[in-house]
Amino acid sequence: MVIYGVSFDMVGKQPIVLLKAVDSNKFLPIWIGHPEAAAILMKLQGASTPRPMTHDLMCDMLGELDVKCTQVSVTELRENTFFASITLAVNGRELEIDSRPSDALALAVRSGAPIYAAEEVIAESAIEFEHDVEDTEEVVERFKDFLDQVTPEDFAAGEQ
């Protein structure tokens, strides 16, 4: 997956990060908090701050401890909440750390770690466009149309 962009839902003005599958036209919207949206957007836009922000600090600490973030994964959707994990390589072994997707993604954009989503999460929650979408403006417009009509509860419909 790649971070395609960050937008806001039209109803509650809640930030949404939009992940895109690398090999298809499937998009995974994940509602996140405002501070995490700002952290992701700042890094994607190449902005810097005079002092390290939380996710910059976390990345710097990992580097100083010789720990590498090797991947982040959106692992499941349970009761309208996405779950994620951060995989770290330390002393020749791998550790998997539970995380909110927003924090995992903010770390991934700073560390260059690849982003994955479980097949079940994609099958349950992704939006798929029927034809190839090369035009970024077209995707943004279609996504905005989608956001005008969707709520987080819509993703729980299949769980009942």
N, C-alpha and C. Protein backbone atom coordinates (compact mmCIF):
# COMPACT_ATOMS: atom_id res chain seq x y z
N MET A 1 0.85 -1.17 0.00
CA MET A 1 0.00 0.00 0.00
C MET A 1 0.90 1.24 0.00
N VAL A 2 0.33 2.30 -0.51
CA VAL A 2 1.01 3.60 -0.45
C VAL A 2 0.01 4.61 0.09
N ILE A 3 0.52 5.64 0.74
CA ILE A 3 -0.36 6.71 1.19
C ILE A 3 -0.69 7.56 -0.01
N TYR A 4 -1.96 7.55 -0.40
CA TYR A 4 -2.41 8.29 -1.57
C TYR A 4 -2.71 9.73 -1.21
N GLY A 5 -3.16 9.96 0.02
CA GLY A 5 -3.45 11.32 0.44
C GLY A 5 -4.17 11.34 1.76
N VAL A 6 -4.38 12.54 2.26
CA VAL A 6 -5.14 12.77 3.48
C VAL A 6 -6.22 13.78 3.15
N SER A 7 -7.45 13.48 3.57
CA SER A 7 -8.58 14.37 3.31
C SER A 7 -9.42 14.46 4.58
N PHE A 8 -10.58 15.08 4.47
CA PHE A 8 -11.48 15.21 5.61
C PHE A 8 -12.87 14.78 5.19
N ASP A 9 -13.56 14.04 6.07
CA ASP A 9 -14.94 13.69 5.73
C ASP A 9 -15.79 14.95 5.86
N MET A 10 -16.80 15.02 5.04
CA MET A 10 -17.59 16.24 4.94
C MET A 10 -18.56 16.41 6.11
N VAL A 11 -18.89 15.34 6.79
CA VAL A 11 -19.87 15.42 7.87
C VAL A 11 -19.22 15.91 9.16
N GLY A 12 -18.25 15.16 9.65
CA GLY A 12 -17.64 15.48 10.94
C GLY A 12 -16.30 16.18 10.85
N LYS A 13 -15.85 16.47 9.62
CA LYS A 13 -14.53 17.10 9.41
C LYS A 13 -13.40 16.30 10.04
N GLN A 14 -13.59 14.98 10.11
CA GLN A 14 -12.57 14.08 10.67
C GLN A 14 -11.56 13.75 9.57
N PRO A 15 -10.26 13.78 9.87
CA PRO A 15 -9.27 13.43 8.86
C PRO A 15 -9.36 11.95 8.46
N ILE A 16 -9.09 11.70 7.21
CA ILE A 16 -9.06 10.34 6.66
C ILE A 16 -7.79 10.21 5.85
N VAL A 17 -7.01 9.16 6.15
CA VAL A 17 -5.86 8.84 5.31
C VAL A 17 -6.34 7.81 4.30
N LEU A 18 -5.94 8.00 3.06
CA LEU A 18 -6.37 7.12 1.98
C LEU A 18 -5.16 6.31 1.51
N LEU A 19 -5.21 4.99 1.76
CA LEU A 19 -4.16 4.10 1.29
C LEU A 19 -4.59 3.50 -0.04
N LYS A 20 -3.65 3.33 -0.95
CA LYS A 20 -3.94 2.72 -2.25
C LYS A 20 -3.10 1.46 -2.41
N ALA A 21 -3.76 0.40 -2.86
CA ALA A 21 -3.03 -0.83 -3.16
C ALA A 21 -2.12 -0.56 -4.35
N VAL A 22 -0.89 -1.04 -4.29
CA VAL A 22 0.09 -0.78 -5.33
C VAL A 22 -0.32 -1.43 -6.65
N ASP A 23 -0.91 -2.61 -6.58
CA ASP A 23 -1.17 -3.39 -7.81
C ASP A 23 -2.63 -3.40 -8.24
N SER A 24 -3.46 -2.49 -7.69
CA SER A 24 -4.87 -2.46 -8.11
C SER A 24 -5.44 -1.08 -7.88
N ASN A 25 -6.71 -0.93 -8.21
CA ASN A 25 -7.42 0.33 -7.98
C ASN A 25 -8.24 0.28 -6.71
N LYS A 26 -7.71 -0.38 -5.69
CA LYS A 26 -8.39 -0.46 -4.40
C LYS A 26 -7.80 0.59 -3.46
N PHE A 27 -8.72 1.29 -2.80
CA PHE A 27 -8.35 2.35 -1.87
C PHE A 27 -8.94 2.03 -0.51
N LEU A 28 -8.14 2.22 0.53
CA LEU A 28 -8.57 1.92 1.89
C LEU A 28 -8.61 3.22 2.69
N PRO A 29 -9.82 3.72 3.03
CA PRO A 29 -9.92 4.93 3.85
C PRO A 29 -9.88 4.59 5.34
N ILE A 30 -9.05 5.31 6.08
CA ILE A 30 -8.93 5.09 7.52
C ILE A 30 -9.08 6.43 8.22
N TRP A 31 -10.10 6.52 9.09
CA TRP A 31 -10.32 7.74 9.87
C TRP A 31 -9.23 7.83 10.94
N ILE A 32 -8.60 9.01 11.06
CA ILE A 32 -7.51 9.21 12.01
C ILE A 32 -7.73 10.52 12.76
N GLY A 33 -6.88 10.77 13.74
CA GLY A 33 -6.97 12.01 14.51
C GLY A 33 -6.28 13.17 13.82
N HIS A 34 -6.62 14.38 14.24
CA HIS A 34 -6.04 15.59 13.64
C HIS A 34 -4.51 15.68 13.83
N PRO A 35 -3.98 15.38 15.05
CA PRO A 35 -2.51 15.48 15.20
C PRO A 35 -1.76 14.50 14.29
N GLU A 36 -2.29 13.29 14.15
CA GLU A 36 -1.63 12.29 13.30
C GLU A 36 -1.74 12.67 11.83
N ALA A 37 -2.89 13.23 11.44
CA ALA A 37 -3.05 13.70 10.06
C ALA A 37 -2.01 14.78 9.76
N ALA A 38 -1.84 15.71 10.71
CA ALA A 38 -0.85 16.77 10.53
C ALA A 38 0.55 16.18 10.43
N ALA A 39 0.85 15.19 11.27
CA ALA A 39 2.19 14.56 11.25
C ALA A 39 2.46 13.88 9.91
N ILE A 40 1.46 13.19 9.38
CA ILE A 40 1.62 12.50 8.09
C ILE A 40 1.76 13.53 6.97
N LEU A 41 0.87 14.52 6.95
CA LEU A 41 0.91 15.53 5.88
C LEU A 41 2.20 16.33 5.89
N MET A 42 2.67 16.71 7.08
CA MET A 42 3.90 17.49 7.16
C MET A 42 5.06 16.74 6.50
N LYS A 43 5.17 15.46 6.81
CA LYS A 43 6.28 14.68 6.26
C LYS A 43 6.10 14.47 4.75
N LEU A 44 4.88 14.18 4.32
CA LEU A 44 4.63 13.98 2.89
C LEU A 44 4.91 15.24 2.09
N GLN A 45 4.67 16.40 2.69
CA GLN A 45 4.88 17.67 2.01
C GLN A 45 6.29 18.22 2.21
N GLY A 46 7.12 17.48 2.95
CA GLY A 46 8.51 17.90 3.15
C GLY A 46 8.68 19.05 4.11
N ALA A 47 7.66 19.33 4.92
CA ALA A 47 7.76 20.42 5.89
C ALA A 47 8.60 19.98 7.08
N SER A 48 9.23 20.93 7.71
CA SER A 48 10.02 20.60 8.90
C SER A 48 9.62 21.54 10.03
N THR A 49 9.95 21.12 11.23
CA THR A 49 9.66 21.93 12.41
C THR A 49 10.98 22.23 13.12
N PRO A 50 11.01 23.32 13.89
CA PRO A 50 12.26 23.65 14.58
C PRO A 50 12.67 22.61 15.62
N ARG A 51 11.69 21.92 16.18
CA ARG A 51 11.96 20.89 17.17
C ARG A 51 11.28 19.60 16.70
N PRO A 52 11.79 18.44 17.12
CA PRO A 52 11.19 17.18 16.66
C PRO A 52 9.76 17.00 17.16
N MET A 53 8.89 16.59 16.27
CA MET A 53 7.52 16.22 16.65
C MET A 53 7.58 14.78 17.19
N THR A 54 6.49 14.30 17.76
CA THR A 54 6.47 12.99 18.42
C THR A 54 6.96 11.87 17.52
N HIS A 55 6.47 11.80 16.29
CA HIS A 55 6.86 10.69 15.40
C HIS A 55 8.29 10.84 14.91
N ASP A 56 8.77 12.09 14.79
CA ASP A 56 10.19 12.31 14.46
C ASP A 56 11.07 11.83 15.61
N LEU A 57 10.64 12.15 16.83
CA LEU A 57 11.37 11.72 18.02
C LEU A 57 11.44 10.19 18.08
N MET A 58 10.29 9.55 17.83
CA MET A 58 10.25 8.09 17.86
C MET A 58 11.22 7.50 16.82
N CYS A 59 11.21 8.06 15.63
CA CYS A 59 12.10 7.58 14.57
C CYS A 59 13.58 7.82 14.95
N ASP A 60 13.87 8.99 15.52
CA ASP A 60 15.24 9.29 15.95
C ASP A 60 15.70 8.34 17.06
N MET A 61 14.80 8.06 18.00
CA MET A 61 15.15 7.14 19.09
C MET A 61 15.45 5.75 18.56
N LEU A 62 14.62 5.27 17.64
CA LEU A 62 14.87 3.95 17.06
C LEU A 62 16.23 3.92 16.38
N GLY A 63 16.55 4.97 15.65
CA GLY A 63 17.84 5.04 14.97
C GLY A 63 19.01 5.02 15.94
N GLU A 64 18.90 5.78 17.02
CA GLU A 64 19.96 5.82 18.02
C GLU A 64 20.15 4.48 18.71
N LEU A 65 19.08 3.71 18.82
CA LEU A 65 19.14 2.39 19.46
C LEU A 65 19.47 1.29 18.46
N ASP A 66 19.75 1.67 17.21
CA ASP A 66 20.06 0.73 16.13
C ASP A 66 18.91 -0.25 15.88
N VAL A 67 17.70 0.28 15.92
CA VAL A 67 16.48 -0.49 15.64
C VAL A 67 15.90 0.05 14.34
N LYS A 68 15.50 -0.86 13.46
CA LYS A 68 14.98 -0.46 12.16
C LYS A 68 13.50 -0.84 12.06
N CYS A 69 12.69 0.11 11.63
CA CYS A 69 11.29 -0.19 11.33
C CYS A 69 11.27 -0.84 9.95
N THR A 70 10.90 -2.12 9.88
CA THR A 70 10.96 -2.85 8.62
C THR A 70 9.65 -2.86 7.86
N GLN A 71 8.53 -2.66 8.56
CA GLN A 71 7.24 -2.55 7.89
C GLN A 71 6.17 -2.14 8.88
N VAL A 72 5.07 -1.61 8.34
CA VAL A 72 3.88 -1.39 9.14
C VAL A 72 2.73 -2.07 8.41
N SER A 73 1.76 -2.56 9.18
CA SER A 73 0.64 -3.30 8.60
C SER A 73 -0.66 -2.91 9.25
N VAL A 74 -1.68 -2.69 8.43
CA VAL A 74 -3.04 -2.56 8.94
C VAL A 74 -3.53 -3.99 9.04
N THR A 75 -3.75 -4.45 10.26
CA THR A 75 -3.96 -5.88 10.48
C THR A 75 -5.41 -6.33 10.55
N GLU A 76 -6.29 -5.45 11.05
CA GLU A 76 -7.70 -5.87 11.15
C GLU A 76 -8.60 -4.67 11.36
N LEU A 77 -9.90 -4.92 11.15
CA LEU A 77 -10.95 -3.96 11.45
C LEU A 77 -11.91 -4.67 12.38
N ARG A 78 -12.02 -4.12 13.60
CA ARG A 78 -12.88 -4.74 14.60
C ARG A 78 -13.73 -3.65 15.26
N GLU A 79 -15.05 -3.82 15.22
CA GLU A 79 -15.98 -2.88 15.83
C GLU A 79 -15.70 -1.44 15.39
N ASN A 80 -15.59 -1.24 14.08
CA ASN A 80 -15.36 0.07 13.46
C ASN A 80 -13.98 0.67 13.77
N THR A 81 -13.07 -0.12 14.30
CA THR A 81 -11.74 0.37 14.63
C THR A 81 -10.68 -0.43 13.88
N PHE A 82 -9.80 0.28 13.18
CA PHE A 82 -8.68 -0.37 12.50
C PHE A 82 -7.57 -0.61 13.51
N PHE A 83 -6.87 -1.72 13.34
CA PHE A 83 -5.72 -2.06 14.16
C PHE A 83 -4.51 -2.19 13.24
N ALA A 84 -3.33 -1.92 13.79
CA ALA A 84 -2.11 -2.00 12.99
C ALA A 84 -0.97 -2.56 13.84
N SER A 85 0.10 -2.88 13.16
CA SER A 85 1.32 -3.30 13.86
C SER A 85 2.52 -2.67 13.19
N ILE A 86 3.54 -2.47 14.00
CA ILE A 86 4.83 -1.96 13.53
C ILE A 86 5.83 -3.09 13.74
N THR A 87 6.55 -3.45 12.68
CA THR A 87 7.56 -4.50 12.80
C THR A 87 8.93 -3.84 12.90
N LEU A 88 9.66 -4.20 13.95
CA LEU A 88 10.99 -3.64 14.20
C LEU A 88 12.04 -4.74 14.14
N ALA A 89 13.18 -4.43 13.57
CA ALA A 89 14.32 -5.34 13.56
C ALA A 89 15.31 -4.83 14.61
N VAL A 90 15.61 -5.70 15.59
CA VAL A 90 16.51 -5.31 16.67
C VAL A 90 17.36 -6.53 17.07
N ASN A 91 18.65 -6.35 17.05
CA ASN A 91 19.58 -7.40 17.45
C ASN A 91 19.32 -8.73 16.74
N GLY A 92 19.06 -8.69 15.46
CA GLY A 92 18.87 -9.91 14.68
C GLY A 92 17.51 -10.58 14.84
N ARG A 93 16.61 -9.95 15.52
CA ARG A 93 15.26 -10.54 15.63
C ARG A 93 14.22 -9.48 15.30
N GLU A 94 13.00 -9.96 15.03
CA GLU A 94 11.91 -9.06 14.69
C GLU A 94 10.91 -8.99 15.84
N LEU A 95 10.47 -7.78 16.12
CA LEU A 95 9.44 -7.54 17.13
C LEU A 95 8.23 -6.94 16.44
N GLU A 96 7.06 -7.39 16.83
CA GLU A 96 5.84 -6.80 16.31
C GLU A 96 5.16 -6.03 17.44
N ILE A 97 4.93 -4.74 17.21
CA ILE A 97 4.38 -3.86 18.22
C ILE A 97 2.98 -3.42 17.78
N ASP A 98 1.99 -3.57 18.67
CA ASP A 98 0.63 -3.12 18.41
C ASP A 98 0.62 -1.60 18.27
N SER A 99 -0.18 -1.09 17.33
CA SER A 99 -0.21 0.34 17.09
C SER A 99 -1.54 0.77 16.51
N ARG A 100 -1.84 2.05 16.65
CA ARG A 100 -2.93 2.62 15.88
C ARG A 100 -2.41 2.80 14.46
N PRO A 101 -3.25 2.63 13.45
CA PRO A 101 -2.78 2.82 12.08
C PRO A 101 -2.18 4.20 11.84
N SER A 102 -2.76 5.22 12.44
CA SER A 102 -2.26 6.58 12.21
C SER A 102 -0.81 6.73 12.69
N ASP A 103 -0.49 6.19 13.86
CA ASP A 103 0.88 6.28 14.36
C ASP A 103 1.83 5.42 13.52
N ALA A 104 1.36 4.23 13.13
CA ALA A 104 2.19 3.36 12.29
C ALA A 104 2.50 4.04 10.96
N LEU A 105 1.50 4.68 10.35
CA LEU A 105 1.70 5.36 9.07
C LEU A 105 2.61 6.57 9.22
N ALA A 106 2.46 7.32 10.31
CA ALA A 106 3.34 8.47 10.55
C ALA A 106 4.79 8.02 10.70
N LEU A 107 4.99 6.87 11.33
CA LEU A 107 6.34 6.32 11.46
C LEU A 107 6.85 5.81 10.10
N ALA A 108 5.98 5.17 9.35
CA ALA A 108 6.38 4.63 8.04
C ALA A 108 6.86 5.72 7.10
N VAL A 109 6.18 6.87 7.07
CA VAL A 109 6.61 7.93 6.16
C VAL A 109 7.95 8.53 6.58
N ARG A 110 8.28 8.42 7.85
CA ARG A 110 9.57 8.93 8.33
C ARG A 110 10.70 7.92 8.15
N SER A 111 10.39 6.65 8.28
CA SER A 111 11.43 5.62 8.23
C SER A 111 11.58 5.00 6.84
N GLY A 112 10.63 5.26 5.96
CA GLY A 112 10.67 4.65 4.63
C GLY A 112 10.21 3.20 4.63
N ALA A 113 9.59 2.76 5.72
CA ALA A 113 9.13 1.37 5.83
C ALA A 113 7.95 1.13 4.89
N PRO A 114 7.88 -0.06 4.30
CA PRO A 114 6.72 -0.38 3.45
C PRO A 114 5.46 -0.53 4.29
N ILE A 115 4.32 -0.27 3.64
CA ILE A 115 3.01 -0.32 4.29
C ILE A 115 2.22 -1.47 3.68
N TYR A 116 1.62 -2.28 4.54
CA TYR A 116 0.80 -3.41 4.09
C TYR A 116 -0.58 -3.33 4.75
N ALA A 117 -1.52 -4.03 4.15
CA ALA A 117 -2.84 -4.20 4.76
C ALA A 117 -3.25 -5.65 4.58
N ALA A 118 -3.83 -6.22 5.61
CA ALA A 118 -4.27 -7.62 5.55
C ALA A 118 -5.33 -7.77 4.45
N GLU A 119 -5.29 -8.91 3.77
CA GLU A 119 -6.26 -9.18 2.70
C GLU A 119 -7.69 -9.05 3.20
N GLU A 120 -7.95 -9.51 4.44
CA GLU A 120 -9.30 -9.44 5.00
C GLU A 120 -9.75 -7.99 5.16
N VAL A 121 -8.84 -7.12 5.55
CA VAL A 121 -9.16 -5.70 5.72
C VAL A 121 -9.49 -5.08 4.36
N ILE A 122 -8.68 -5.41 3.37
CA ILE A 122 -8.93 -4.88 2.02
C ILE A 122 -10.26 -5.40 1.49
N ALA A 123 -10.51 -6.69 1.65
CA ALA A 123 -11.76 -7.28 1.16
C ALA A 123 -12.97 -6.64 1.84
N GLU A 124 -12.85 -6.35 3.12
CA GLU A 124 -13.99 -5.85 3.89
C GLU A 124 -14.20 -4.35 3.72
N SER A 125 -13.13 -3.57 3.56
CA SER A 125 -13.26 -2.12 3.69
C SER A 125 -12.78 -1.30 2.51
N ALA A 126 -12.10 -1.90 1.56
CA ALA A 126 -11.54 -1.11 0.46
C ALA A 126 -12.63 -0.69 -0.52
N ILE A 127 -12.36 0.41 -1.19
CA ILE A 127 -13.20 0.92 -2.27
C ILE A 127 -12.44 0.60 -3.55
N GLU A 128 -13.12 0.04 -4.53
CA GLU A 128 -12.44 -0.29 -5.78
C GLU A 128 -13.08 0.47 -6.92
N PHE A 129 -12.24 1.14 -7.71
CA PHE A 129 -12.73 1.79 -8.92
C PHE A 129 -12.71 0.78 -10.05
N GLU A 130 -13.76 0.82 -10.88
CA GLU A 130 -13.92 -0.20 -11.92
C GLU A 130 -12.90 -0.12 -13.04
N HIS A 131 -12.41 1.07 -13.32
CA HIS A 131 -11.44 1.21 -14.41
C HIS A 131 -10.16 1.84 -13.87
N ASP A 132 -9.11 1.77 -14.67
CA ASP A 132 -7.84 2.33 -14.24
C ASP A 132 -7.98 3.81 -13.98
N VAL A 133 -7.40 4.26 -12.90
CA VAL A 133 -7.43 5.67 -12.57
C VAL A 133 -6.01 6.20 -12.57
N GLU A 134 -5.70 6.92 -13.61
CA GLU A 134 -4.38 7.53 -13.71
C GLU A 134 -4.45 9.00 -13.32
N ASP A 135 -5.62 9.60 -13.50
CA ASP A 135 -5.80 11.01 -13.25
C ASP A 135 -6.05 11.25 -11.77
N THR A 136 -5.10 11.89 -11.10
CA THR A 136 -5.20 12.14 -9.67
C THR A 136 -6.44 12.97 -9.35
N GLU A 137 -6.73 13.97 -10.17
CA GLU A 137 -7.89 14.82 -9.91
C GLU A 137 -9.19 14.02 -9.96
N GLU A 138 -9.26 13.04 -10.87
CA GLU A 138 -10.46 12.20 -10.96
C GLU A 138 -10.62 11.38 -9.68
N VAL A 139 -9.53 10.82 -9.20
CA VAL A 139 -9.60 10.02 -7.96
C VAL A 139 -10.03 10.91 -6.80
N VAL A 140 -9.45 12.08 -6.71
CA VAL A 140 -9.79 12.99 -5.61
C VAL A 140 -11.27 13.36 -5.67
N GLU A 141 -11.78 13.67 -6.85
CA GLU A 141 -13.20 14.02 -6.99
C GLU A 141 -14.11 12.85 -6.61
N ARG A 142 -13.78 11.66 -7.10
CA ARG A 142 -14.59 10.49 -6.77
C ARG A 142 -14.51 10.18 -5.28
N PHE A 143 -13.35 10.37 -4.69
CA PHE A 143 -13.20 10.14 -3.26
C PHE A 143 -14.01 11.16 -2.46
N LYS A 144 -14.00 12.42 -2.90
CA LYS A 144 -14.79 13.45 -2.22
C LYS A 144 -16.28 13.11 -2.30
N ASP A 145 -16.72 12.64 -3.45
CA ASP A 145 -18.13 12.21 -3.59
C ASP A 145 -18.43 11.09 -2.60
N PHE A 146 -17.52 10.14 -2.50
CA PHE A 146 -17.69 9.03 -1.55
C PHE A 146 -17.77 9.56 -0.12
N LEU A 147 -16.87 10.49 0.23
CA LEU A 147 -16.83 11.03 1.59
C LEU A 147 -18.09 11.80 1.96
N ASP A 148 -18.74 12.38 0.95
CA ASP A 148 -19.99 13.11 1.23
C ASP A 148 -21.08 12.19 1.75
N GLN A 149 -20.96 10.90 1.46
CA GLN A 149 -22.05 9.98 1.75
C GLN A 149 -21.71 8.91 2.79
N VAL A 150 -20.46 8.74 3.15
CA VAL A 150 -20.07 7.61 4.00
C VAL A 150 -19.88 8.03 5.45
N THR A 151 -20.12 7.07 6.34
CA THR A 151 -19.83 7.26 7.76
C THR A 151 -19.00 6.07 8.22
N PRO A 152 -18.29 6.18 9.34
CA PRO A 152 -17.51 5.04 9.83
C PRO A 152 -18.37 3.80 10.07
N GLU A 153 -19.64 4.01 10.45
CA GLU A 153 -20.52 2.88 10.71
C GLU A 153 -20.80 2.06 9.45
N ASP A 154 -20.67 2.67 8.27
CA ASP A 154 -20.91 1.94 7.03
C ASP A 154 -19.98 0.74 6.88
N PHE A 155 -18.82 0.80 7.52
CA PHE A 155 -17.86 -0.28 7.38
C PHE A 155 -18.16 -1.45 8.31
N ALA A 156 -19.09 -1.27 9.20
CA ALA A 156 -19.46 -2.35 10.12
C ALA A 156 -20.64 -3.15 9.62
N ALA A 157 -21.21 -2.77 8.49
CA ALA A 157 -22.44 -3.41 8.00
C ALA A 157 -22.29 -4.91 7.82
N GLY A 158 -21.12 -5.37 7.39
CA GLY A 158 -20.94 -6.80 7.14
C GLY A 158 -20.70 -7.62 8.38
N GLU A 159 -20.56 -7.01 9.54
CA GLU A 159 -20.20 -7.73 10.75
C GLU A 159 -21.40 -8.28 11.51
N GLN A 160 -22.61 -7.91 11.16
CA GLN A 160 -23.78 -8.30 11.94
C GLN A 160 -24.25 -9.68 11.66
